[in-house]
Amino acid sequence: MALITWSDKMSVGNATIDGDHRTLLDRLNALHDVVRGNTPRESMPTLFRDLIEYTEYHFATEERLMRLSRFPDMERHKAMHDGLARRLREFEARFQEAPDTFNLLEMFDFVSDWLMRHILREDMKVGTHLKAMPKNGGP
């Protein structure tokens, strides 16, 4: 379990998506601060809600760009987004049921691993597709 630091290798080449990814990492790293004991555990409900809401906002933005650009693999990509959003809500529900025994490290590791794999594999394909769009005809 390590703090996730943005690097240029994570850039998909689209300012909107890259900006959203940086913000997602910031939100996830705020949870990392709780794991490390740098932030009180009582802040968890707010941090969870912030992460979930921003994740859903980002997914909607990315899906809009995919739809407007006619990204050929949009349905599969959206299904991945839906899976993570569902999993985040499950983690939040588990935390609300038993905040004292909730395994924050498990959640952080799962989400950080999912996000890194998704950006480096799936979102790179979206970035390549968007870069190939004509400048005045793209989203």
C-alpha atoms as a PDB file:
ATOM      1  CA  MET A   1       0.000   0.000   0.000  1.00  0.00           C
ATOM      2  CA  ALA A   2       1.689   3.128  -1.230  1.00  0.00           C
ATOM      3  CA  LEU A   3       0.682   6.654  -1.999  1.00  0.00           C
ATOM      4  CA  ILE A   4      -0.075   7.022  -5.701  1.00  0.00           C
ATOM      5  CA  THR A   5       1.889   9.779  -7.381  1.00  0.00           C
ATOM      6  CA  TRP A   6       0.932  11.139 -10.792  1.00  0.00           C
ATOM      7  CA  SER A   7       3.522  10.608 -13.495  1.00  0.00           C
ATOM      8  CA  ASP A   8       3.622  11.452 -17.185  1.00  0.00           C
ATOM      9  CA  LYS A   9       3.329   7.759 -18.070  1.00  0.00           C
ATOM     10  CA  MET A  10      -0.247   7.986 -16.752  1.00  0.00           C
ATOM     11  CA  SER A  11      -1.185  10.759 -19.184  1.00  0.00           C
ATOM     12  CA  VAL A  12      -3.686   9.707 -21.843  1.00  0.00           C
ATOM     13  CA  GLY A  13      -3.014  12.906 -23.788  1.00  0.00           C
ATOM     14  CA  ASN A  14      -6.376  14.523 -23.095  1.00  0.00           C
ATOM     15  CA  ALA A  15      -6.352  17.459 -20.666  1.00  0.00           C
ATOM     16  CA  THR A  16      -9.866  16.800 -19.359  1.00  0.00           C
ATOM     17  CA  ILE A  17      -9.293  13.113 -18.634  1.00  0.00           C
ATOM     18  CA  ASP A  18      -5.794  13.684 -17.247  1.00  0.00           C
ATOM     19  CA  GLY A  19      -7.090  16.432 -14.945  1.00  0.00           C
ATOM     20  CA  ASP A  20      -9.846  14.153 -13.695  1.00  0.00           C
ATOM     21  CA  HIS A  21      -7.356  11.350 -13.082  1.00  0.00           C
ATOM     22  CA  ARG A  22      -5.154  13.666 -11.022  1.00  0.00           C
ATOM     23  CA  THR A  23      -8.151  14.682  -8.928  1.00  0.00           C
ATOM     24  CA  LEU A  24      -9.151  11.027  -8.463  1.00  0.00           C
ATOM     25  CA  LEU A  25      -5.648  10.245  -7.235  1.00  0.00           C
ATOM     26  CA  ASP A  26      -5.872  13.172  -4.807  1.00  0.00           C
ATOM     27  CA  ARG A  27      -9.185  11.849  -3.451  1.00  0.00           C
ATOM     28  CA  LEU A  28      -7.797   8.327  -3.145  1.00  0.00           C
ATOM     29  CA  ASN A  29      -4.632   9.578  -1.480  1.00  0.00           C
ATOM     30  CA  ALA A  30      -6.788  11.405   1.087  1.00  0.00           C
ATOM     31  CA  LEU A  31      -7.972   7.933   2.128  1.00  0.00           C
ATOM     32  CA  HIS A  32      -4.336   6.815   2.205  1.00  0.00           C
ATOM     33  CA  ASP A  33      -3.753   9.500   4.834  1.00  0.00           C
ATOM     34  CA  VAL A  34      -6.384   7.826   7.023  1.00  0.00           C
ATOM     35  CA  VAL A  35      -4.682   4.432   6.552  1.00  0.00           C
ATOM     36  CA  ARG A  36      -1.386   5.951   7.672  1.00  0.00           C
ATOM     37  CA  GLY A  37      -2.999   7.674  10.645  1.00  0.00           C
ATOM     38  CA  ASN A  38      -2.332  11.190   9.336  1.00  0.00           C
ATOM     39  CA  THR A  39      -6.052  11.986   9.089  1.00  0.00           C
ATOM     40  CA  PRO A  40      -8.677  11.045  11.695  1.00  0.00           C
ATOM     41  CA  ARG A  41     -10.787   7.999  10.853  1.00  0.00           C
ATOM     42  CA  GLU A  42     -13.869  10.117  11.618  1.00  0.00           C
ATOM     43  CA  SER A  43     -13.320  11.880   8.291  1.00  0.00           C
ATOM     44  CA  MET A  44     -13.980   8.619   6.420  1.00  0.00           C
ATOM     45  CA  PRO A  45     -17.674   9.199   5.574  1.00  0.00           C
ATOM     46  CA  THR A  46     -16.848  12.506   3.896  1.00  0.00           C
ATOM     47  CA  LEU A  47     -13.778  11.108   2.130  1.00  0.00           C
ATOM     48  CA  PHE A  48     -15.749   8.106   0.861  1.00  0.00           C
ATOM     49  CA  ARG A  49     -18.540  10.333  -0.408  1.00  0.00           C
ATOM     50  CA  ASP A  50     -16.019  12.664  -2.119  1.00  0.00           C
ATOM     51  CA  LEU A  51     -14.293   9.732  -3.839  1.00  0.00           C
ATOM     52  CA  ILE A  52     -17.557   8.159  -5.002  1.00  0.00           C
ATOM     53  CA  GLU A  53     -19.051  11.415  -6.259  1.00  0.00           C
ATOM     54  CA  TYR A  54     -15.911  12.429  -8.130  1.00  0.00           C
ATOM     55  CA  THR A  55     -15.497   8.949  -9.604  1.00  0.00           C
ATOM     56  CA  GLU A  56     -19.060   9.062 -10.927  1.00  0.00           C
ATOM     57  CA  TYR A  57     -18.504  12.593 -12.281  1.00  0.00           C
ATOM     58  CA  HIS A  58     -15.306  11.492 -14.034  1.00  0.00           C
ATOM     59  CA  PHE A  59     -16.904   8.385 -15.503  1.00  0.00           C
ATOM     60  CA  ALA A  60     -19.786  10.472 -16.891  1.00  0.00           C
ATOM     61  CA  THR A  61     -17.304  12.925 -18.432  1.00  0.00           C
ATOM     62  CA  GLU A  62     -15.171  10.181 -19.963  1.00  0.00           C
ATOM     63  CA  GLU A  63     -18.231   8.332 -21.261  1.00  0.00           C
ATOM     64  CA  ARG A  64     -19.517  11.540 -22.856  1.00  0.00           C
ATOM     65  CA  LEU A  65     -16.190  11.957 -24.672  1.00  0.00           C
ATOM     66  CA  MET A  66     -16.294   8.323 -25.787  1.00  0.00           C
ATOM     67  CA  ARG A  67     -19.868   8.695 -27.042  1.00  0.00           C
ATOM     68  CA  LEU A  68     -19.185  11.955 -28.906  1.00  0.00           C
ATOM     69  CA  SER A  69     -16.077  10.496 -30.542  1.00  0.00           C
ATOM     70  CA  ARG A  70     -17.764   7.174 -31.272  1.00  0.00           C
ATOM     71  CA  PHE A  71     -15.198   5.169 -29.327  1.00  0.00           C
ATOM     72  CA  PRO A  72     -15.679   1.620 -30.656  1.00  0.00           C
ATOM     73  CA  ASP A  73     -15.311  -0.194 -27.317  1.00  0.00           C
ATOM     74  CA  MET A  74     -17.487   2.138 -25.258  1.00  0.00           C
ATOM     75  CA  GLU A  75     -19.935  -0.450 -23.895  1.00  0.00           C
ATOM     76  CA  ARG A  76     -17.168  -2.662 -22.488  1.00  0.00           C
ATOM     77  CA  HIS A  77     -15.374   0.368 -21.070  1.00  0.00           C
ATOM     78  CA  LYS A  78     -18.587   1.660 -19.474  1.00  0.00           C
ATOM     79  CA  ALA A  79     -19.216  -1.774 -17.941  1.00  0.00           C
ATOM     80  CA  MET A  80     -15.826  -1.500 -16.212  1.00  0.00           C
ATOM     81  CA  HIS A  81     -16.786   1.931 -14.882  1.00  0.00           C
ATOM     82  CA  ASP A  82     -20.110   0.570 -13.634  1.00  0.00           C
ATOM     83  CA  GLY A  83     -18.290  -2.268 -11.879  1.00  0.00           C
ATOM     84  CA  LEU A  84     -15.985   0.058  -9.963  1.00  0.00           C
ATOM     85  CA  ALA A  85     -18.816   2.441  -9.049  1.00  0.00           C
ATOM     86  CA  ARG A  86     -20.809  -0.519  -7.686  1.00  0.00           C
ATOM     87  CA  ARG A  87     -17.789  -1.777  -5.749  1.00  0.00           C
ATOM     88  CA  LEU A  88     -17.167   1.665  -4.223  1.00  0.00           C
ATOM     89  CA  ARG A  89     -20.773   1.815  -3.014  1.00  0.00           C
ATOM     90  CA  GLU A  90     -20.351  -1.684  -1.525  1.00  0.00           C
ATOM     91  CA  PHE A  91     -17.224  -0.569   0.330  1.00  0.00           C
ATOM     92  CA  GLU A  92     -19.068   2.496   1.609  1.00  0.00           C
ATOM     93  CA  ALA A  93     -21.996   0.359   2.832  1.00  0.00           C
ATOM     94  CA  ARG A  94     -19.605  -2.028   4.613  1.00  0.00           C
ATOM     95  CA  PHE A  95     -17.933   0.935   6.280  1.00  0.00           C
ATOM     96  CA  GLN A  96     -21.281   2.370   7.415  1.00  0.00           C
ATOM     97  CA  GLU A  97     -22.306  -1.011   8.874  1.00  0.00           C
ATOM     98  CA  ALA A  98     -19.087  -1.543  10.831  1.00  0.00           C
ATOM     99  CA  PRO A  99     -16.829   1.525  10.804  1.00  0.00           C
ATOM    100  CA  ASP A 100     -14.571   0.247  13.587  1.00  0.00           C
ATOM    101  CA  THR A 101     -13.702  -3.009  11.832  1.00  0.00           C
ATOM    102  CA  PHE A 102     -13.785  -1.861   8.211  1.00  0.00           C
ATOM    103  CA  ASN A 103     -10.564  -2.797   6.413  1.00  0.00           C
ATOM    104  CA  LEU A 104      -9.574   0.497   4.830  1.00  0.00           C
ATOM    105  CA  LEU A 105      -6.299  -0.947   3.562  1.00  0.00           C
ATOM    106  CA  GLU A 106      -8.167  -3.604   1.558  1.00  0.00           C
ATOM    107  CA  MET A 107     -10.352  -0.932  -0.022  1.00  0.00           C
ATOM    108  CA  PHE A 108      -7.421   1.375  -0.779  1.00  0.00           C
ATOM    109  CA  ASP A 109      -5.394  -1.445  -2.340  1.00  0.00           C
ATOM    110  CA  PHE A 110      -8.317  -2.615  -4.471  1.00  0.00           C
ATOM    111  CA  VAL A 111      -9.241   0.849  -5.757  1.00  0.00           C
ATOM    112  CA  SER A 112      -5.667   1.998  -6.363  1.00  0.00           C
ATOM    113  CA  ASP A 113      -4.835  -1.222  -8.234  1.00  0.00           C
ATOM    114  CA  TRP A 114      -8.035  -1.010 -10.305  1.00  0.00           C
ATOM    115  CA  LEU A 115      -7.466   2.648 -11.125  1.00  0.00           C
ATOM    116  CA  MET A 116      -3.836   2.212 -12.163  1.00  0.00           C
ATOM    117  CA  ARG A 117      -4.601  -0.803 -14.371  1.00  0.00           C
ATOM    118  CA  HIS A 118      -7.604   0.955 -15.893  1.00  0.00           C
ATOM    119  CA  ILE A 119      -5.711   4.160 -16.693  1.00  0.00           C
ATOM    120  CA  LEU A 120      -2.646   2.401 -18.091  1.00  0.00           C
ATOM    121  CA  ARG A 121      -4.589  -0.134 -20.180  1.00  0.00           C
ATOM    122  CA  GLU A 122      -8.107   1.013 -20.942  1.00  0.00           C
ATOM    123  CA  ASP A 123      -7.961   4.793 -20.746  1.00  0.00           C
ATOM    124  CA  MET A 124      -4.828   4.854 -22.898  1.00  0.00           C
ATOM    125  CA  LYS A 125      -6.967   3.366 -25.684  1.00  0.00           C
ATOM    126  CA  VAL A 126      -9.489   6.166 -25.236  1.00  0.00           C
ATOM    127  CA  GLY A 127      -6.693   8.745 -25.320  1.00  0.00           C
ATOM    128  CA  THR A 128      -5.262   7.275 -28.517  1.00  0.00           C
ATOM    129  CA  HIS A 129      -8.722   7.308 -30.092  1.00  0.00           C
ATOM    130  CA  LEU A 130      -9.353  10.933 -29.073  1.00  0.00           C
ATOM    131  CA  LYS A 131      -5.947  12.070 -30.368  1.00  0.00           C
ATOM    132  CA  ALA A 132      -6.755  10.507 -33.747  1.00  0.00           C
ATOM    133  CA  MET A 133      -9.913  12.607 -34.079  1.00  0.00           C
ATOM    134  CA  PRO A 134      -9.802  15.614 -36.428  1.00  0.00           C
ATOM    135  CA  LYS A 135      -9.162  18.760 -34.384  1.00  0.00           C
ATOM    136  CA  ASN A 136     -12.359  20.503 -35.467  1.00  0.00           C
ATOM    137  CA  GLY A 137     -14.468  17.363 -35.573  1.00  0.00           C
ATOM    138  CA  GLY A 138     -13.633  15.812 -32.224  1.00  0.00           C
ATOM    139  CA  PRO A 139     -15.361  16.211 -28.883  1.00  0.00           C
END
